[in-house]
């Protein structure tokens, strides 16, 4: 594949994203669909004492969507829920060009640098973050 969006690191992460499984008993879960391209991401979160203890997912989407989900699963596990929320906001700012790579909380998110120039593909990267944010909101509502 010669498309600059699909560099080796993104393709490797996409393989990991495709291999993720749903959690059996998540604290919170959310599904987000992109009706324009058909991508669908379900994120399951296990949360204890304000920390993400496990991330599960099912991704029916492109390599960018799968790769972003893989990074979330790897980096959010063990992190505070606020760190996961901040990562989504930072990724959106980075893709839009209003922030540079130094603002990203997880170094591997800079893998998506080629996507910055392809506005039509921003949603592919952001969809898993939106699902995670909705899951966090659902978990907060369920916990109250």
C-alpha atoms as a PDB file:
ATOM      1  CA  UNK A   1       0.000   0.000   0.000  1.00  0.00           C
ATOM      2  CA  UNK A   2       1.571   3.264  -1.050  1.00  0.00           C
ATOM      3  CA  UNK A   3      -0.949   5.643   0.561  1.00  0.00           C
ATOM      4  CA  UNK A   4       1.020   7.825   3.028  1.00  0.00           C
ATOM      5  CA  UNK A   5      -1.801   7.475   5.568  1.00  0.00           C
ATOM      6  CA  UNK A   6      -1.170   3.771   5.887  1.00  0.00           C
ATOM      7  CA  UNK A   7       2.409   3.651   7.098  1.00  0.00           C
ATOM      8  CA  UNK A   8       3.798   0.439   8.581  1.00  0.00           C
ATOM      9  CA  UNK A   9       3.260   1.560  12.169  1.00  0.00           C
ATOM     10  CA  UNK A  10      -0.422   2.332  11.513  1.00  0.00           C
ATOM     11  CA  UNK A  11      -0.892  -1.032   9.812  1.00  0.00           C
ATOM     12  CA  UNK A  12       0.812  -2.832  12.714  1.00  0.00           C
ATOM     13  CA  UNK A  13      -1.420  -1.032  15.215  1.00  0.00           C
ATOM     14  CA  UNK A  14      -4.475  -1.845  13.091  1.00  0.00           C
ATOM     15  CA  UNK A  15      -3.699  -5.562  13.435  1.00  0.00           C
ATOM     16  CA  UNK A  16      -3.711  -5.142  17.207  1.00  0.00           C
ATOM     17  CA  UNK A  17      -6.969  -3.181  17.043  1.00  0.00           C
ATOM     18  CA  UNK A  18      -8.632  -5.912  14.984  1.00  0.00           C
ATOM     19  CA  UNK A  19      -7.567  -8.486  17.569  1.00  0.00           C
ATOM     20  CA  UNK A  20      -9.095  -6.765  20.593  1.00  0.00           C
ATOM     21  CA  UNK A  21     -11.980  -8.492  22.348  1.00  0.00           C
ATOM     22  CA  UNK A  22     -14.949  -7.115  24.252  1.00  0.00           C
ATOM     23  CA  UNK A  23     -14.826  -7.190  28.047  1.00  0.00           C
ATOM     24  CA  UNK A  24     -17.095  -9.718  29.705  1.00  0.00           C
ATOM     25  CA  UNK A  25     -18.295  -7.410  32.507  1.00  0.00           C
ATOM     26  CA  UNK A  26     -17.410  -3.785  31.696  1.00  0.00           C
ATOM     27  CA  UNK A  27     -18.131  -0.914  34.052  1.00  0.00           C
ATOM     28  CA  UNK A  28     -19.180   1.108  31.023  1.00  0.00           C
ATOM     29  CA  UNK A  29     -19.604   0.613  27.315  1.00  0.00           C
ATOM     30  CA  UNK A  30     -20.510   2.739  24.311  1.00  0.00           C
ATOM     31  CA  UNK A  31     -20.844   2.295  20.576  1.00  0.00           C
ATOM     32  CA  UNK A  32     -20.315   5.056  18.044  1.00  0.00           C
ATOM     33  CA  UNK A  33     -21.091   4.790  14.360  1.00  0.00           C
ATOM     34  CA  UNK A  34     -19.927   6.936  11.472  1.00  0.00           C
ATOM     35  CA  UNK A  35     -22.842   6.879   9.012  1.00  0.00           C
ATOM     36  CA  UNK A  36     -20.718   8.452   6.280  1.00  0.00           C
ATOM     37  CA  UNK A  37     -18.168   5.644   5.986  1.00  0.00           C
ATOM     38  CA  UNK A  38     -19.779   2.828   7.966  1.00  0.00           C
ATOM     39  CA  UNK A  39     -17.111   2.608  10.686  1.00  0.00           C
ATOM     40  CA  UNK A  40     -18.452   1.313  13.999  1.00  0.00           C
ATOM     41  CA  UNK A  41     -16.542   1.181  17.283  1.00  0.00           C
ATOM     42  CA  UNK A  42     -17.656  -0.293  20.583  1.00  0.00           C
ATOM     43  CA  UNK A  43     -15.455   0.466  23.584  1.00  0.00           C
ATOM     44  CA  UNK A  44     -15.784  -1.350  26.917  1.00  0.00           C
ATOM     45  CA  UNK A  45     -14.095   0.065  29.999  1.00  0.00           C
ATOM     46  CA  UNK A  46     -13.467  -1.506  33.385  1.00  0.00           C
ATOM     47  CA  UNK A  47     -13.057   1.317  35.887  1.00  0.00           C
ATOM     48  CA  UNK A  48     -12.029   1.104  39.529  1.00  0.00           C
ATOM     49  CA  UNK A  49     -11.279   4.027  41.830  1.00  0.00           C
ATOM     50  CA  UNK A  50     -11.115   6.510  38.957  1.00  0.00           C
ATOM     51  CA  UNK A  51      -8.678   4.419  36.924  1.00  0.00           C
ATOM     52  CA  UNK A  52      -9.184   2.410  33.780  1.00  0.00           C
ATOM     53  CA  UNK A  53      -8.237  -1.162  34.640  1.00  0.00           C
ATOM     54  CA  UNK A  54      -9.091  -2.756  31.294  1.00  0.00           C
ATOM     55  CA  UNK A  55     -10.209  -1.774  27.809  1.00  0.00           C
ATOM     56  CA  UNK A  56     -12.077  -4.022  25.431  1.00  0.00           C
ATOM     57  CA  UNK A  57     -13.292  -3.190  21.960  1.00  0.00           C
ATOM     58  CA  UNK A  58     -14.899  -4.318  18.772  1.00  0.00           C
ATOM     59  CA  UNK A  59     -13.933  -2.338  15.697  1.00  0.00           C
ATOM     60  CA  UNK A  60     -15.636  -2.572  12.344  1.00  0.00           C
ATOM     61  CA  UNK A  61     -13.717   0.087  10.525  1.00  0.00           C
ATOM     62  CA  UNK A  62     -10.693   1.128   8.565  1.00  0.00           C
ATOM     63  CA  UNK A  63      -7.059   0.738   9.592  1.00  0.00           C
ATOM     64  CA  UNK A  64      -6.972   4.250  11.076  1.00  0.00           C
ATOM     65  CA  UNK A  65      -9.932   3.486  13.323  1.00  0.00           C
ATOM     66  CA  UNK A  66      -8.426   0.146  14.344  1.00  0.00           C
ATOM     67  CA  UNK A  67      -5.028   1.710  15.056  1.00  0.00           C
ATOM     68  CA  UNK A  68      -6.506   4.462  17.240  1.00  0.00           C
ATOM     69  CA  UNK A  69      -8.448   1.850  19.202  1.00  0.00           C
ATOM     70  CA  UNK A  70      -5.265  -0.164  19.753  1.00  0.00           C
ATOM     71  CA  UNK A  71      -3.479   2.882  21.171  1.00  0.00           C
ATOM     72  CA  UNK A  72      -6.397   3.646  23.481  1.00  0.00           C
ATOM     73  CA  UNK A  73      -6.434   0.042  24.747  1.00  0.00           C
ATOM     74  CA  UNK A  74      -2.694   0.080  25.408  1.00  0.00           C
ATOM     75  CA  UNK A  75      -2.324   3.543  26.881  1.00  0.00           C
ATOM     76  CA  UNK A  76      -5.573   3.993  28.836  1.00  0.00           C
ATOM     77  CA  UNK A  77      -5.188   0.798  30.836  1.00  0.00           C
ATOM     78  CA  UNK A  78      -3.851   1.844  34.216  1.00  0.00           C
ATOM     79  CA  UNK A  79      -4.460   5.541  33.574  1.00  0.00           C
ATOM     80  CA  UNK A  80      -6.902   7.807  35.315  1.00  0.00           C
ATOM     81  CA  UNK A  81     -10.179   8.432  33.521  1.00  0.00           C
ATOM     82  CA  UNK A  82      -9.299  12.114  33.158  1.00  0.00           C
ATOM     83  CA  UNK A  83      -6.197  11.127  31.171  1.00  0.00           C
ATOM     84  CA  UNK A  84      -8.347   9.208  28.693  1.00  0.00           C
ATOM     85  CA  UNK A  85     -10.710  12.167  28.327  1.00  0.00           C
ATOM     86  CA  UNK A  86      -7.774  14.523  27.801  1.00  0.00           C
ATOM     87  CA  UNK A  87      -6.280  12.227  25.154  1.00  0.00           C
ATOM     88  CA  UNK A  88      -9.384  12.526  22.991  1.00  0.00           C
ATOM     89  CA  UNK A  89      -9.417  16.305  23.210  1.00  0.00           C
ATOM     90  CA  UNK A  90      -5.679  16.487  22.507  1.00  0.00           C
ATOM     91  CA  UNK A  91      -6.020  14.188  19.490  1.00  0.00           C
ATOM     92  CA  UNK A  92      -8.772  16.368  18.012  1.00  0.00           C
ATOM     93  CA  UNK A  93      -6.671  19.493  18.520  1.00  0.00           C
ATOM     94  CA  UNK A  94      -3.616  17.813  17.008  1.00  0.00           C
ATOM     95  CA  UNK A  95      -5.462  16.629  13.908  1.00  0.00           C
ATOM     96  CA  UNK A  96      -7.017  20.063  13.385  1.00  0.00           C
ATOM     97  CA  UNK A  97      -3.585  21.684  13.533  1.00  0.00           C
ATOM     98  CA  UNK A  98      -4.350  23.775  16.615  1.00  0.00           C
ATOM     99  CA  UNK A  99      -1.848  21.792  18.717  1.00  0.00           C
ATOM    100  CA  UNK A 100       1.475  20.142  18.001  1.00  0.00           C
ATOM    101  CA  UNK A 101       2.751  16.693  18.957  1.00  0.00           C
ATOM    102  CA  UNK A 102       4.081  17.997  22.278  1.00  0.00           C
ATOM    103  CA  UNK A 103       0.461  18.412  23.419  1.00  0.00           C
ATOM    104  CA  UNK A 104      -0.324  14.718  22.922  1.00  0.00           C
ATOM    105  CA  UNK A 105      -0.432  12.789  26.216  1.00  0.00           C
ATOM    106  CA  UNK A 106       0.597   9.526  24.543  1.00  0.00           C
ATOM    107  CA  UNK A 107       3.636   9.591  22.268  1.00  0.00           C
ATOM    108  CA  UNK A 108       2.248   6.977  19.883  1.00  0.00           C
ATOM    109  CA  UNK A 109      -0.600   9.301  18.918  1.00  0.00           C
ATOM    110  CA  UNK A 110       1.906  11.211  16.778  1.00  0.00           C
ATOM    111  CA  UNK A 111       1.743   8.184  14.457  1.00  0.00           C
ATOM    112  CA  UNK A 112      -1.309   9.906  12.997  1.00  0.00           C
ATOM    113  CA  UNK A 113       0.693  12.916  11.744  1.00  0.00           C
ATOM    114  CA  UNK A 114      -0.042  12.051   8.070  1.00  0.00           C
ATOM    115  CA  UNK A 115      -3.780  12.202   8.808  1.00  0.00           C
ATOM    116  CA  UNK A 116      -3.590  15.897   9.685  1.00  0.00           C
ATOM    117  CA  UNK A 117      -3.577  16.793   5.978  1.00  0.00           C
ATOM    118  CA  UNK A 118      -6.518  14.481   5.215  1.00  0.00           C
ATOM    119  CA  UNK A 119      -9.458  16.182   6.925  1.00  0.00           C
ATOM    120  CA  UNK A 120     -11.883  13.584   5.594  1.00  0.00           C
ATOM    121  CA  UNK A 121     -10.060  10.934   7.638  1.00  0.00           C
ATOM    122  CA  UNK A 122      -9.972  12.779  10.985  1.00  0.00           C
ATOM    123  CA  UNK A 123     -13.234  11.137  12.033  1.00  0.00           C
ATOM    124  CA  UNK A 124     -11.689   7.690  11.485  1.00  0.00           C
ATOM    125  CA  UNK A 125      -9.071   8.420  14.142  1.00  0.00           C
ATOM    126  CA  UNK A 126     -11.451  10.247  16.486  1.00  0.00           C
ATOM    127  CA  UNK A 127     -14.293   7.693  16.468  1.00  0.00           C
ATOM    128  CA  UNK A 128     -12.692   5.410  19.112  1.00  0.00           C
ATOM    129  CA  UNK A 129     -12.031   8.435  21.336  1.00  0.00           C
ATOM    130  CA  UNK A 130     -15.683   9.449  21.013  1.00  0.00           C
ATOM    131  CA  UNK A 131     -16.763   5.940  21.999  1.00  0.00           C
ATOM    132  CA  UNK A 132     -14.413   6.014  25.010  1.00  0.00           C
ATOM    133  CA  UNK A 133     -15.734   9.426  26.078  1.00  0.00           C
ATOM    134  CA  UNK A 134     -19.318   8.193  25.836  1.00  0.00           C
ATOM    135  CA  UNK A 135     -18.418   5.083  27.818  1.00  0.00           C
ATOM    136  CA  UNK A 136     -16.855   7.260  30.528  1.00  0.00           C
ATOM    137  CA  UNK A 137     -20.004   9.385  30.642  1.00  0.00           C
ATOM    138  CA  UNK A 138     -22.189   6.267  30.837  1.00  0.00           C
ATOM    139  CA  UNK A 139     -19.994   4.894  33.621  1.00  0.00           C
ATOM    140  CA  UNK A 140     -20.246   8.145  35.561  1.00  0.00           C
ATOM    141  CA  UNK A 141     -24.024   8.136  35.192  1.00  0.00           C
ATOM    142  CA  UNK A 142     -24.271   4.484  36.227  1.00  0.00           C
ATOM    143  CA  UNK A 143     -22.035   5.106  39.243  1.00  0.00           C
ATOM    144  CA  UNK A 144     -24.166   7.957  40.619  1.00  0.00           C
END
